């Protein structure tokens, strides 16, 4: 029997105007071939590895850890849970996901099993990437609880996994990346994905030595979900 899937793109378009972390230079584009002159079209693109919707490899913060090309492909296609954190996020720009929030999600949507990916939906508006930053994120205890469950990756629709005010990046530094748990940041369209039952596909180029890279992130939603 044919399995019917909806494909939802969770990726923001990336161009010279894309919102970036403060201090990161914008993408620069140079035309190297044109149809009129060369019979083909090509550009040279210069960008930071953490531009737009992007992947964080463990080496982003941890010396000697896995780079993008080292992350096993089977960790990039996994069952997906989307935790709806929008109510708290709208009330408090510094809101942090807690273990109680995870428990509430699981009571309604089922257990987050080992090998899953968890995306945090905040619906936080894309605001200027200037400091001081304020946006919701994963609290340290919540990230630790998910790590204990055996998740392989976390994602969010803000600029970072840690809350914006967490300038020392405690989740990056102490919880996820040391355990080999990767991140995807600056997602979009999470409202269109069910809280459970979909699969995530993280299409990140296999760039050797990279600490991260822009990625095309998709959700595959079975018919009826």
N, C-alpha and C. Protein backbone atom coordinates (compact mmCIF):
# COMPACT_ATOMS: atom_id res chain seq x y z
N UNK A 1 0.84 -1.19 0.00
CA UNK A 1 0.00 0.00 0.00
C UNK A 1 0.88 1.25 0.00
N UNK A 2 0.53 2.19 -0.84
CA UNK A 2 1.32 3.41 -0.95
C UNK A 2 1.13 4.29 0.29
N UNK A 3 2.25 4.75 0.83
CA UNK A 3 2.22 5.67 1.95
C UNK A 3 2.19 7.09 1.43
N UNK A 4 1.16 7.84 1.79
CA UNK A 4 1.03 9.20 1.31
C UNK A 4 1.54 10.16 2.38
N UNK A 5 2.41 11.06 1.95
CA UNK A 5 3.05 11.99 2.86
C UNK A 5 2.86 13.43 2.38
N UNK A 6 2.68 14.32 3.32
CA UNK A 6 2.82 15.75 3.05
C UNK A 6 4.24 16.15 3.40
N UNK A 7 4.85 16.97 2.56
CA UNK A 7 6.19 17.46 2.80
C UNK A 7 6.09 18.94 3.18
N UNK A 8 6.54 19.28 4.39
CA UNK A 8 6.48 20.65 4.88
C UNK A 8 7.89 21.18 4.99
N UNK A 9 8.14 22.29 4.32
CA UNK A 9 9.47 22.90 4.33
C UNK A 9 9.60 23.77 5.57
N UNK A 10 10.59 23.49 6.39
CA UNK A 10 10.81 24.22 7.64
C UNK A 10 11.99 25.18 7.52
N UNK A 11 12.36 25.52 6.29
CA UNK A 11 13.57 26.27 6.00
C UNK A 11 13.25 27.70 5.57
N UNK A 12 13.96 28.65 6.14
CA UNK A 12 13.82 30.05 5.71
C UNK A 12 14.69 30.29 4.49
N UNK A 13 14.20 31.05 3.50
CA UNK A 13 15.07 31.43 2.38
C UNK A 13 16.29 32.18 2.89
N UNK A 14 17.42 31.94 2.28
CA UNK A 14 18.68 32.55 2.70
C UNK A 14 19.18 33.50 1.62
N UNK A 15 19.36 34.76 2.00
CA UNK A 15 19.90 35.75 1.07
C UNK A 15 20.67 36.81 1.84
N UNK A 16 21.01 37.90 1.15
CA UNK A 16 21.84 38.93 1.78
C UNK A 16 21.14 39.68 2.91
N UNK A 17 19.81 39.53 3.01
CA UNK A 17 19.05 40.25 4.05
C UNK A 17 18.65 39.35 5.22
N UNK A 18 19.05 38.09 5.21
CA UNK A 18 18.63 37.15 6.24
C UNK A 18 19.11 37.59 7.63
N UNK A 19 18.26 37.35 8.62
CA UNK A 19 18.60 37.66 10.00
C UNK A 19 19.68 36.70 10.49
N UNK A 20 20.73 37.27 11.08
CA UNK A 20 21.87 36.49 11.54
C UNK A 20 22.20 36.84 12.99
N UNK A 21 23.00 35.99 13.61
CA UNK A 21 23.49 36.29 14.95
C UNK A 21 24.32 37.57 14.89
N UNK A 22 24.23 38.43 15.90
CA UNK A 22 25.02 39.67 15.89
C UNK A 22 26.50 39.41 15.63
N UNK A 23 27.07 40.18 14.71
CA UNK A 23 28.48 40.04 14.38
C UNK A 23 28.78 39.16 13.20
N UNK A 24 27.82 38.35 12.77
CA UNK A 24 28.03 37.51 11.59
C UNK A 24 27.80 38.34 10.34
N UNK A 25 28.74 38.35 9.40
CA UNK A 25 28.54 39.13 8.18
C UNK A 25 27.46 38.51 7.30
N UNK A 26 26.75 39.34 6.55
CA UNK A 26 25.70 38.80 5.67
C UNK A 26 26.30 38.01 4.51
N UNK A 27 25.49 37.16 3.94
CA UNK A 27 25.89 36.41 2.76
C UNK A 27 26.27 37.37 1.64
N UNK A 28 27.34 37.06 0.92
CA UNK A 28 27.77 37.86 -0.22
C UNK A 28 27.73 37.00 -1.47
N UNK A 29 27.22 37.56 -2.54
CA UNK A 29 27.03 36.81 -3.78
C UNK A 29 27.71 37.53 -4.93
N UNK A 30 28.45 36.76 -5.73
CA UNK A 30 29.12 37.31 -6.91
C UNK A 30 28.77 36.43 -8.11
N UNK A 31 28.32 37.04 -9.17
CA UNK A 31 28.00 36.30 -10.40
C UNK A 31 29.29 35.91 -11.10
N UNK A 32 29.45 34.64 -11.41
CA UNK A 32 30.65 34.18 -12.11
C UNK A 32 30.37 33.76 -13.55
N UNK A 33 29.12 33.40 -13.85
CA UNK A 33 28.73 33.05 -15.21
C UNK A 33 27.33 33.58 -15.46
N UNK A 34 27.07 34.03 -16.66
CA UNK A 34 25.72 34.45 -17.05
C UNK A 34 25.32 33.71 -18.33
N UNK A 35 24.04 33.54 -18.49
CA UNK A 35 23.54 32.88 -19.70
C UNK A 35 23.95 33.67 -20.94
N UNK A 36 23.80 35.00 -20.88
CA UNK A 36 24.09 35.84 -22.04
C UNK A 36 25.56 35.76 -22.44
N UNK A 37 26.44 35.73 -21.45
CA UNK A 37 27.88 35.77 -21.75
C UNK A 37 28.49 34.38 -21.90
N UNK A 38 28.05 33.44 -21.05
CA UNK A 38 28.75 32.15 -20.95
C UNK A 38 27.90 30.95 -21.35
N UNK A 39 26.61 31.18 -21.51
CA UNK A 39 25.72 30.08 -21.85
C UNK A 39 25.27 29.28 -20.65
N UNK A 40 25.71 29.67 -19.45
CA UNK A 40 25.29 29.01 -18.21
C UNK A 40 25.29 30.05 -17.10
N UNK A 41 24.59 29.72 -16.02
CA UNK A 41 24.44 30.66 -14.90
C UNK A 41 25.08 30.06 -13.66
N UNK A 42 25.94 30.83 -13.00
CA UNK A 42 26.58 30.36 -11.78
C UNK A 42 26.98 31.56 -10.93
N UNK A 43 27.04 31.31 -9.60
CA UNK A 43 27.44 32.37 -8.67
C UNK A 43 28.46 31.82 -7.68
N UNK A 44 29.26 32.72 -7.12
CA UNK A 44 30.14 32.38 -6.00
C UNK A 44 29.51 32.98 -4.75
N UNK A 45 29.29 32.14 -3.74
CA UNK A 45 28.60 32.57 -2.53
C UNK A 45 29.55 32.49 -1.35
N UNK A 46 29.61 33.55 -0.56
CA UNK A 46 30.39 33.58 0.67
C UNK A 46 29.45 33.77 1.84
N UNK A 47 29.54 32.88 2.84
CA UNK A 47 28.65 32.98 4.00
C UNK A 47 29.27 32.32 5.21
N UNK A 48 28.78 32.69 6.38
CA UNK A 48 29.17 32.05 7.61
C UNK A 48 28.48 30.69 7.71
N UNK A 49 29.14 29.73 8.35
CA UNK A 49 28.55 28.39 8.46
C UNK A 49 27.23 28.38 9.23
N UNK A 50 26.99 29.40 10.04
CA UNK A 50 25.78 29.44 10.87
C UNK A 50 24.83 30.54 10.39
N UNK A 51 24.53 30.49 9.11
CA UNK A 51 23.65 31.46 8.46
C UNK A 51 22.30 30.84 8.16
N UNK A 52 21.24 31.63 8.33
CA UNK A 52 19.90 31.18 7.98
C UNK A 52 19.48 29.97 8.80
N UNK A 53 18.60 29.16 8.22
CA UNK A 53 18.25 27.88 8.84
C UNK A 53 19.47 26.99 8.71
N UNK A 54 20.06 26.62 9.85
CA UNK A 54 21.36 25.95 9.78
C UNK A 54 21.51 24.87 10.84
N UNK A 55 22.52 24.07 10.61
CA UNK A 55 22.86 22.91 11.44
C UNK A 55 24.05 23.26 12.31
N UNK A 56 23.98 22.90 13.60
CA UNK A 56 25.13 22.99 14.50
C UNK A 56 25.68 21.59 14.74
N UNK A 57 26.91 21.37 14.33
CA UNK A 57 27.58 20.11 14.67
C UNK A 57 28.19 20.22 16.07
N UNK A 58 28.49 19.10 16.72
CA UNK A 58 29.11 19.16 18.05
C UNK A 58 30.40 19.98 18.09
N UNK A 59 31.16 20.02 17.00
CA UNK A 59 32.42 20.78 16.98
C UNK A 59 32.22 22.28 17.06
N UNK A 60 30.97 22.74 16.94
CA UNK A 60 30.70 24.18 17.03
C UNK A 60 31.16 24.75 18.38
N UNK A 61 31.06 23.95 19.45
CA UNK A 61 31.50 24.41 20.77
C UNK A 61 32.50 23.47 21.45
N UNK A 62 32.65 22.24 20.94
CA UNK A 62 33.43 21.24 21.65
C UNK A 62 34.66 20.85 20.83
N UNK A 63 35.84 21.14 21.39
CA UNK A 63 37.10 20.82 20.72
C UNK A 63 37.20 19.33 20.47
N UNK A 64 37.52 18.96 19.23
CA UNK A 64 37.73 17.57 18.88
C UNK A 64 36.46 16.77 18.62
N UNK A 65 35.29 17.42 18.73
CA UNK A 65 34.03 16.71 18.51
C UNK A 65 33.73 16.59 17.02
N UNK A 66 32.63 15.91 16.71
CA UNK A 66 32.27 15.63 15.32
C UNK A 66 31.97 16.90 14.55
N UNK A 67 32.49 16.96 13.32
CA UNK A 67 32.12 18.01 12.38
C UNK A 67 30.87 17.58 11.61
N UNK A 68 30.37 18.46 10.76
CA UNK A 68 29.15 18.17 10.01
C UNK A 68 29.27 16.87 9.23
N UNK A 69 30.37 16.69 8.54
CA UNK A 69 30.52 15.50 7.69
C UNK A 69 30.61 14.21 8.48
N UNK A 70 30.89 14.32 9.79
CA UNK A 70 31.04 13.13 10.62
C UNK A 70 29.72 12.63 11.22
N UNK A 71 28.69 13.46 11.19
CA UNK A 71 27.42 13.08 11.80
C UNK A 71 26.78 11.98 10.95
N UNK A 72 26.44 10.83 11.53
CA UNK A 72 25.88 9.74 10.73
C UNK A 72 24.58 10.14 10.03
N UNK A 73 24.44 9.71 8.81
CA UNK A 73 23.25 10.07 8.04
C UNK A 73 21.97 9.60 8.70
N UNK A 74 22.03 8.46 9.41
CA UNK A 74 20.80 7.96 10.02
C UNK A 74 20.36 8.78 11.22
N UNK A 75 21.18 9.73 11.67
CA UNK A 75 20.74 10.67 12.70
C UNK A 75 19.98 11.86 12.11
N UNK A 76 19.97 11.99 10.81
CA UNK A 76 19.38 13.16 10.15
C UNK A 76 17.99 12.90 9.61
N UNK A 77 17.51 11.66 9.72
CA UNK A 77 16.15 11.29 9.31
C UNK A 77 15.55 10.50 10.46
N UNK A 78 14.72 11.16 11.27
CA UNK A 78 14.26 10.56 12.51
C UNK A 78 12.83 10.99 12.85
N UNK A 79 12.14 10.22 13.73
CA UNK A 79 10.82 10.65 14.20
C UNK A 79 10.92 12.00 14.91
N UNK A 80 9.88 12.80 14.72
CA UNK A 80 9.91 14.20 15.17
C UNK A 80 8.80 14.47 16.18
N UNK A 81 9.16 15.16 17.27
CA UNK A 81 8.19 15.75 18.18
C UNK A 81 8.34 17.27 18.10
N UNK A 82 7.22 17.97 18.01
CA UNK A 82 7.21 19.43 18.03
C UNK A 82 6.51 19.87 19.32
N UNK A 83 7.25 20.48 20.21
CA UNK A 83 6.71 20.93 21.49
C UNK A 83 6.19 22.37 21.31
N UNK A 84 4.89 22.54 21.54
CA UNK A 84 4.25 23.85 21.39
C UNK A 84 4.53 24.68 22.64
N UNK A 85 5.36 25.67 22.48
CA UNK A 85 5.76 26.54 23.59
C UNK A 85 5.27 27.97 23.35
N UNK A 86 4.28 28.10 22.49
CA UNK A 86 3.89 29.44 22.04
C UNK A 86 3.24 30.27 23.14
N UNK A 87 2.42 29.65 23.99
CA UNK A 87 1.73 30.44 25.01
C UNK A 87 2.72 31.08 25.96
N UNK A 88 3.66 30.28 26.47
CA UNK A 88 4.66 30.82 27.38
C UNK A 88 5.56 31.85 26.67
N UNK A 89 5.88 31.58 25.42
CA UNK A 89 6.77 32.47 24.68
C UNK A 89 6.14 33.83 24.46
N UNK A 90 4.83 33.86 24.21
CA UNK A 90 4.15 35.13 24.00
C UNK A 90 4.07 35.95 25.28
N UNK A 91 4.09 35.28 26.42
CA UNK A 91 3.99 35.97 27.69
C UNK A 91 5.34 36.44 28.22
N UNK A 92 6.41 35.76 27.83
CA UNK A 92 7.71 36.03 28.43
C UNK A 92 8.81 35.83 27.38
N UNK A 93 9.49 36.91 26.97
CA UNK A 93 10.55 36.76 25.97
C UNK A 93 11.74 35.97 26.47
N UNK A 94 11.84 35.76 27.77
CA UNK A 94 12.95 34.99 28.33
C UNK A 94 12.53 33.59 28.76
N UNK A 95 11.37 33.14 28.30
CA UNK A 95 10.84 31.84 28.73
C UNK A 95 11.80 30.71 28.39
N UNK A 96 11.90 29.75 29.32
CA UNK A 96 12.74 28.57 29.13
C UNK A 96 11.88 27.31 29.25
N UNK A 97 12.02 26.43 28.29
CA UNK A 97 11.33 25.14 28.38
C UNK A 97 11.82 24.40 29.62
N UNK A 98 10.89 23.77 30.35
CA UNK A 98 11.21 23.05 31.57
C UNK A 98 10.87 21.56 31.43
N UNK A 99 11.38 20.71 32.33
CA UNK A 99 10.97 19.31 32.32
C UNK A 99 9.46 19.14 32.46
N UNK A 100 8.80 20.05 33.21
CA UNK A 100 7.34 19.96 33.34
C UNK A 100 6.66 20.19 31.99
N UNK A 101 7.20 21.10 31.17
CA UNK A 101 6.64 21.32 29.83
C UNK A 101 6.78 20.06 28.98
N UNK A 102 7.91 19.39 29.09
CA UNK A 102 8.12 18.15 28.34
C UNK A 102 7.13 17.09 28.81
N UNK A 103 6.94 17.00 30.13
CA UNK A 103 5.97 16.04 30.66
C UNK A 103 4.57 16.30 30.16
N UNK A 104 4.18 17.58 30.09
CA UNK A 104 2.87 17.94 29.57
C UNK A 104 2.71 17.53 28.12
N UNK A 105 3.75 17.74 27.32
CA UNK A 105 3.71 17.31 25.91
C UNK A 105 3.54 15.80 25.83
N UNK A 106 4.29 15.05 26.63
CA UNK A 106 4.24 13.60 26.54
C UNK A 106 2.90 13.04 27.01
N UNK A 107 2.27 13.67 27.98
CA UNK A 107 0.95 13.19 28.41
C UNK A 107 -0.07 13.29 27.30
N UNK A 108 0.07 14.29 26.45
CA UNK A 108 -0.88 14.49 25.36
C UNK A 108 -0.46 13.80 24.07
N UNK A 109 0.85 13.72 23.83
CA UNK A 109 1.34 13.33 22.50
C UNK A 109 2.16 12.05 22.49
N UNK A 110 2.39 11.46 23.65
CA UNK A 110 3.16 10.22 23.71
C UNK A 110 4.60 10.47 24.10
N UNK A 111 5.26 9.40 24.49
CA UNK A 111 6.63 9.47 25.00
C UNK A 111 7.59 9.86 23.88
N UNK A 112 8.53 10.71 24.22
CA UNK A 112 9.62 11.06 23.30
C UNK A 112 10.65 9.94 23.40
N UNK A 113 10.70 9.09 22.40
CA UNK A 113 11.52 7.89 22.45
C UNK A 113 12.97 8.21 22.10
N UNK A 114 13.86 7.33 22.54
CA UNK A 114 15.27 7.44 22.14
C UNK A 114 15.37 7.44 20.62
N UNK A 115 16.26 8.28 20.11
CA UNK A 115 16.44 8.39 18.67
C UNK A 115 15.58 9.45 18.01
N UNK A 116 14.73 10.11 18.79
CA UNK A 116 13.85 11.15 18.23
C UNK A 116 14.59 12.47 18.06
N UNK A 117 13.94 13.35 17.31
CA UNK A 117 14.32 14.76 17.17
C UNK A 117 13.21 15.57 17.83
N UNK A 118 13.59 16.64 18.54
CA UNK A 118 12.61 17.51 19.19
C UNK A 118 12.81 18.94 18.71
N UNK A 119 11.75 19.51 18.15
CA UNK A 119 11.75 20.92 17.74
C UNK A 119 10.87 21.72 18.69
N UNK A 120 11.35 22.89 19.06
CA UNK A 120 10.62 23.79 19.95
C UNK A 120 9.94 24.87 19.12
N UNK A 121 8.61 24.91 19.19
CA UNK A 121 7.85 25.91 18.46
C UNK A 121 7.53 27.08 19.39
N UNK A 122 8.10 28.25 19.09
CA UNK A 122 7.84 29.44 19.90
C UNK A 122 7.01 30.48 19.15
N UNK A 123 7.03 30.43 17.80
CA UNK A 123 6.41 31.47 16.96
C UNK A 123 6.99 32.85 17.28
N UNK A 124 8.22 32.88 17.76
CA UNK A 124 8.86 34.14 18.10
C UNK A 124 9.10 34.94 16.82
N UNK A 125 8.78 36.24 16.80
CA UNK A 125 8.96 37.02 15.57
C UNK A 125 10.42 37.18 15.22
N UNK A 126 10.71 37.26 13.93
CA UNK A 126 12.07 37.52 13.47
C UNK A 126 12.39 39.00 13.71
N UNK A 127 13.16 39.26 14.75
CA UNK A 127 13.49 40.63 15.11
C UNK A 127 14.95 40.90 14.79
N UNK A 128 15.33 42.15 14.87
CA UNK A 128 16.69 42.54 14.54
C UNK A 128 17.69 41.75 15.36
N UNK A 129 18.72 41.27 14.70
CA UNK A 129 19.75 40.49 15.38
C UNK A 129 20.76 41.36 16.09
N UNK A 130 20.29 42.24 16.96
CA UNK A 130 21.16 43.12 17.72
C UNK A 130 21.12 42.74 19.19
N UNK A 131 22.15 43.11 19.92
CA UNK A 131 22.22 42.78 21.34
C UNK A 131 21.64 43.90 22.20
N UNK A 132 21.09 43.64 23.39
CA UNK A 132 20.96 42.29 23.95
C UNK A 132 19.82 41.50 23.32
N UNK A 133 20.07 40.25 23.06
CA UNK A 133 19.07 39.39 22.45
C UNK A 133 18.11 38.85 23.51
N UNK A 134 16.85 38.75 23.13
CA UNK A 134 15.85 38.16 24.01
C UNK A 134 14.92 37.30 23.16
N UNK A 135 14.97 36.01 23.39
CA UNK A 135 14.04 35.08 22.77
C UNK A 135 14.00 33.81 23.60
N UNK A 136 12.90 33.06 23.53
CA UNK A 136 12.77 31.84 24.34
C UNK A 136 13.69 30.72 23.85
N UNK A 137 13.87 29.71 24.71
CA UNK A 137 14.69 28.58 24.31
C UNK A 137 14.57 27.41 25.26
N UNK A 138 15.41 26.42 25.06
CA UNK A 138 15.46 25.24 25.92
C UNK A 138 16.18 25.59 27.22
N UNK A 139 15.56 25.32 28.37
CA UNK A 139 16.25 25.43 29.63
C UNK A 139 17.24 24.28 29.81
N UNK A 140 18.22 24.49 30.67
CA UNK A 140 19.25 23.48 30.88
C UNK A 140 18.64 22.16 31.39
N UNK A 141 17.72 22.25 32.36
CA UNK A 141 17.14 21.02 32.90
C UNK A 141 16.30 20.29 31.85
N UNK A 142 15.58 21.03 31.04
CA UNK A 142 14.78 20.40 29.98
C UNK A 142 15.68 19.74 28.95
N UNK A 143 16.73 20.44 28.54
CA UNK A 143 17.66 19.85 27.57
C UNK A 143 18.31 18.61 28.15
N UNK A 144 18.66 18.66 29.45
CA UNK A 144 19.23 17.48 30.08
C UNK A 144 18.26 16.32 30.13
N UNK A 145 16.98 16.62 30.38
CA UNK A 145 15.96 15.58 30.41
C UNK A 145 15.81 14.93 29.03
N UNK A 146 15.85 15.73 27.98
CA UNK A 146 15.76 15.19 26.63
C UNK A 146 17.01 14.38 26.27
N UNK A 147 18.16 14.85 26.72
CA UNK A 147 19.39 14.10 26.47
C UNK A 147 19.32 12.73 27.14
N UNK A 148 18.76 12.68 28.36
CA UNK A 148 18.62 11.40 29.05
C UNK A 148 17.66 10.46 28.32
N UNK A 149 16.71 11.02 27.59
CA UNK A 149 15.79 10.20 26.80
C UNK A 149 16.47 9.64 25.56
N UNK A 150 17.62 10.18 25.18
CA UNK A 150 18.34 9.68 24.01
C UNK A 150 17.99 10.35 22.71
N UNK A 151 17.53 11.62 22.75
CA UNK A 151 17.26 12.32 21.50
C UNK A 151 18.57 12.52 20.74
N UNK A 152 18.48 12.63 19.41
CA UNK A 152 19.68 12.83 18.60
C UNK A 152 19.85 14.28 18.19
N UNK A 153 18.76 15.07 18.20
CA UNK A 153 18.87 16.45 17.76
C UNK A 153 17.76 17.31 18.34
N UNK A 154 18.06 18.60 18.51
CA UNK A 154 17.09 19.60 18.92
C UNK A 154 17.02 20.69 17.87
N UNK A 155 15.85 21.33 17.77
CA UNK A 155 15.70 22.44 16.83
C UNK A 155 14.79 23.50 17.41
N UNK A 156 14.83 24.68 16.81
CA UNK A 156 14.01 25.79 17.27
C UNK A 156 13.78 26.78 16.14
N UNK A 157 12.75 27.61 16.30
CA UNK A 157 12.45 28.62 15.29
C UNK A 157 13.03 29.99 15.65
N UNK A 158 13.93 30.05 16.64
CA UNK A 158 14.63 31.29 16.98
C UNK A 158 16.07 31.20 16.49
N UNK A 159 16.86 32.22 16.86
CA UNK A 159 18.26 32.24 16.44
C UNK A 159 19.12 31.20 17.15
N UNK A 160 18.64 30.66 18.28
CA UNK A 160 19.49 29.72 19.00
C UNK A 160 18.72 28.81 19.93
N UNK A 161 19.32 27.66 20.24
CA UNK A 161 18.73 26.68 21.15
C UNK A 161 18.62 27.24 22.56
N UNK A 162 19.70 27.86 23.04
CA UNK A 162 19.64 28.53 24.34
C UNK A 162 18.78 29.77 24.24
N UNK A 163 18.11 30.18 25.33
CA UNK A 163 17.41 31.47 25.33
C UNK A 163 18.38 32.60 24.99
N UNK A 164 17.88 33.66 24.36
CA UNK A 164 18.74 34.73 23.90
C UNK A 164 19.58 35.36 24.99
N UNK A 165 19.05 35.43 26.20
CA UNK A 165 19.79 36.08 27.28
C UNK A 165 20.85 35.18 27.89
N UNK A 166 20.89 33.91 27.51
CA UNK A 166 21.86 32.95 28.06
C UNK A 166 23.18 33.08 27.30
N UNK A 167 23.92 34.13 27.62
CA UNK A 167 25.09 34.52 26.82
C UNK A 167 26.23 33.52 26.92
N UNK A 168 26.21 32.64 27.91
CA UNK A 168 27.28 31.63 28.03
C UNK A 168 26.89 30.31 27.38
N UNK A 169 25.72 30.25 26.74
CA UNK A 169 25.27 29.08 25.97
C UNK A 169 25.37 27.78 26.78
N UNK A 170 24.70 27.71 27.93
CA UNK A 170 24.86 26.52 28.78
C UNK A 170 24.35 25.23 28.15
N UNK A 171 23.30 25.32 27.33
CA UNK A 171 22.81 24.08 26.68
C UNK A 171 23.83 23.61 25.66
N UNK A 172 24.29 24.53 24.80
CA UNK A 172 25.33 24.18 23.83
C UNK A 172 26.56 23.59 24.53
N UNK A 173 27.04 24.32 25.54
CA UNK A 173 28.33 24.00 26.15
C UNK A 173 28.30 22.75 27.01
N UNK A 174 27.21 22.56 27.74
CA UNK A 174 27.22 21.57 28.82
C UNK A 174 26.28 20.39 28.64
N UNK A 175 25.29 20.52 27.74
CA UNK A 175 24.26 19.47 27.66
C UNK A 175 24.30 18.73 26.33
N UNK A 176 24.07 19.43 25.25
CA UNK A 176 23.83 18.75 23.97
C UNK A 176 25.10 18.42 23.20
N UNK A 177 25.85 19.44 22.83
CA UNK A 177 26.99 19.20 21.94
C UNK A 177 28.04 18.29 22.56
N UNK A 178 28.31 18.35 23.88
CA UNK A 178 29.25 17.37 24.44
C UNK A 178 28.77 15.93 24.32
N UNK A 179 27.45 15.73 24.21
CA UNK A 179 26.90 14.38 24.07
C UNK A 179 26.70 13.98 22.62
N UNK A 180 27.10 14.84 21.69
CA UNK A 180 26.91 14.53 20.28
C UNK A 180 25.53 14.82 19.76
N UNK A 181 24.72 15.56 20.51
CA UNK A 181 23.37 15.94 20.08
C UNK A 181 23.47 17.22 19.25
N UNK A 182 23.07 17.15 18.00
CA UNK A 182 23.19 18.31 17.12
C UNK A 182 21.98 19.23 17.25
N UNK A 183 22.08 20.41 16.62
CA UNK A 183 20.99 21.40 16.62
C UNK A 183 20.66 21.81 15.19
N UNK A 184 19.42 22.25 14.99
CA UNK A 184 19.06 23.08 13.84
C UNK A 184 18.34 24.32 14.39
N UNK A 185 18.70 25.47 13.86
CA UNK A 185 18.19 26.74 14.38
C UNK A 185 17.61 27.57 13.25
N UNK A 186 16.74 28.51 13.63
CA UNK A 186 16.11 29.42 12.68
C UNK A 186 15.15 28.69 11.73
N UNK A 187 14.39 27.75 12.30
CA UNK A 187 13.36 27.04 11.54
C UNK A 187 12.14 27.93 11.31
N UNK A 188 11.23 27.46 10.49
CA UNK A 188 9.96 28.15 10.26
C UNK A 188 8.88 27.11 9.97
N UNK A 189 7.62 27.55 9.93
CA UNK A 189 6.48 26.69 9.57
C UNK A 189 6.20 25.56 10.56
N UNK A 190 6.66 25.68 11.79
CA UNK A 190 6.42 24.60 12.74
C UNK A 190 4.94 24.46 13.10
N UNK A 191 4.16 25.53 12.92
CA UNK A 191 2.72 25.45 13.18
C UNK A 191 2.03 24.45 12.25
N UNK A 192 2.63 24.16 11.11
CA UNK A 192 2.02 23.25 10.14
C UNK A 192 2.34 21.79 10.42
N UNK A 193 3.18 21.52 11.42
CA UNK A 193 3.63 20.15 11.70
C UNK A 193 2.91 19.62 12.93
N UNK A 194 2.40 18.40 12.89
CA UNK A 194 1.75 17.85 14.09
C UNK A 194 2.75 17.68 15.23
N UNK A 195 2.23 17.68 16.46
CA UNK A 195 3.09 17.59 17.63
C UNK A 195 3.84 16.25 17.68
N UNK A 196 3.29 15.22 17.09
CA UNK A 196 3.94 13.91 17.03
C UNK A 196 3.46 13.19 15.78
N UNK A 197 4.24 12.24 15.33
CA UNK A 197 3.83 11.41 14.19
C UNK A 197 4.52 11.73 12.89
N UNK A 198 5.20 12.87 12.78
CA UNK A 198 5.93 13.22 11.57
C UNK A 198 7.38 12.73 11.69
N UNK A 199 8.09 12.79 10.59
CA UNK A 199 9.53 12.54 10.56
C UNK A 199 10.23 13.81 10.10
N UNK A 200 11.41 14.06 10.63
CA UNK A 200 12.22 15.18 10.17
C UNK A 200 13.33 14.68 9.26
N UNK A 201 13.62 15.47 8.24
CA UNK A 201 14.75 15.21 7.35
C UNK A 201 15.61 16.47 7.35
N UNK A 202 16.86 16.31 7.79
CA UNK A 202 17.78 17.45 7.87
C UNK A 202 18.80 17.29 6.76
N UNK A 203 18.59 18.06 5.68
CA UNK A 203 19.45 17.96 4.51
C UNK A 203 20.60 18.96 4.60
N UNK A 204 21.65 18.57 5.30
CA UNK A 204 22.81 19.46 5.44
C UNK A 204 23.95 18.92 4.58
N UNK A 205 24.61 19.78 3.79
CA UNK A 205 25.72 19.30 2.97
C UNK A 205 26.83 18.68 3.81
N UNK A 206 27.47 17.67 3.28
CA UNK A 206 28.51 16.94 4.03
C UNK A 206 29.85 17.65 3.84
N UNK A 207 29.99 18.79 4.50
CA UNK A 207 31.17 19.63 4.35
C UNK A 207 32.21 19.20 5.39
N UNK A 208 33.36 18.76 4.92
CA UNK A 208 34.40 18.28 5.83
C UNK A 208 34.91 19.43 6.69
N UNK A 209 35.09 19.16 7.98
CA UNK A 209 35.66 20.13 8.89
C UNK A 209 34.74 21.24 9.32
N UNK A 210 33.48 21.21 8.91
CA UNK A 210 32.56 22.31 9.18
C UNK A 210 31.96 22.19 10.58
N UNK A 211 31.83 23.34 11.26
CA UNK A 211 31.17 23.38 12.57
C UNK A 211 29.66 23.46 12.43
N UNK A 212 29.19 23.75 11.25
CA UNK A 212 27.77 23.86 10.95
C UNK A 212 27.63 24.22 9.49
N UNK A 213 26.39 24.32 9.03
CA UNK A 213 26.17 24.73 7.64
C UNK A 213 24.69 24.96 7.42
N UNK A 214 24.32 25.91 6.51
CA UNK A 214 22.90 26.05 6.15
C UNK A 214 22.32 24.72 5.69
N UNK A 215 21.07 24.47 6.08
CA UNK A 215 20.44 23.18 5.83
C UNK A 215 19.03 23.37 5.29
N UNK A 216 18.58 22.42 4.50
CA UNK A 216 17.18 22.34 4.07
C UNK A 216 16.51 21.32 4.98
N UNK A 217 15.61 21.80 5.83
CA UNK A 217 14.98 20.95 6.83
C UNK A 217 13.52 20.72 6.43
N UNK A 218 13.12 19.46 6.38
CA UNK A 218 11.78 19.08 5.95
C UNK A 218 11.10 18.25 7.03
N UNK A 219 9.77 18.35 7.09
CA UNK A 219 8.96 17.44 7.90
C UNK A 219 8.12 16.59 6.95
N UNK A 220 8.14 15.28 7.17
CA UNK A 220 7.32 14.36 6.40
C UNK A 220 6.15 13.93 7.26
N UNK A 221 4.94 14.27 6.83
CA UNK A 221 3.75 14.06 7.65
C UNK A 221 2.86 13.02 6.98
N UNK A 222 2.65 11.86 7.60
CA UNK A 222 1.77 10.85 7.01
C UNK A 222 0.34 11.37 6.85
N UNK A 223 -0.35 10.89 5.85
CA UNK A 223 -1.74 11.29 5.62
C UNK A 223 -2.58 10.97 6.86
N UNK A 224 -3.41 11.90 7.25
CA UNK A 224 -4.25 11.73 8.41
C UNK A 224 -3.70 12.34 9.68
N UNK A 225 -2.44 12.80 9.64
CA UNK A 225 -1.84 13.45 10.81
C UNK A 225 -2.09 14.95 10.78
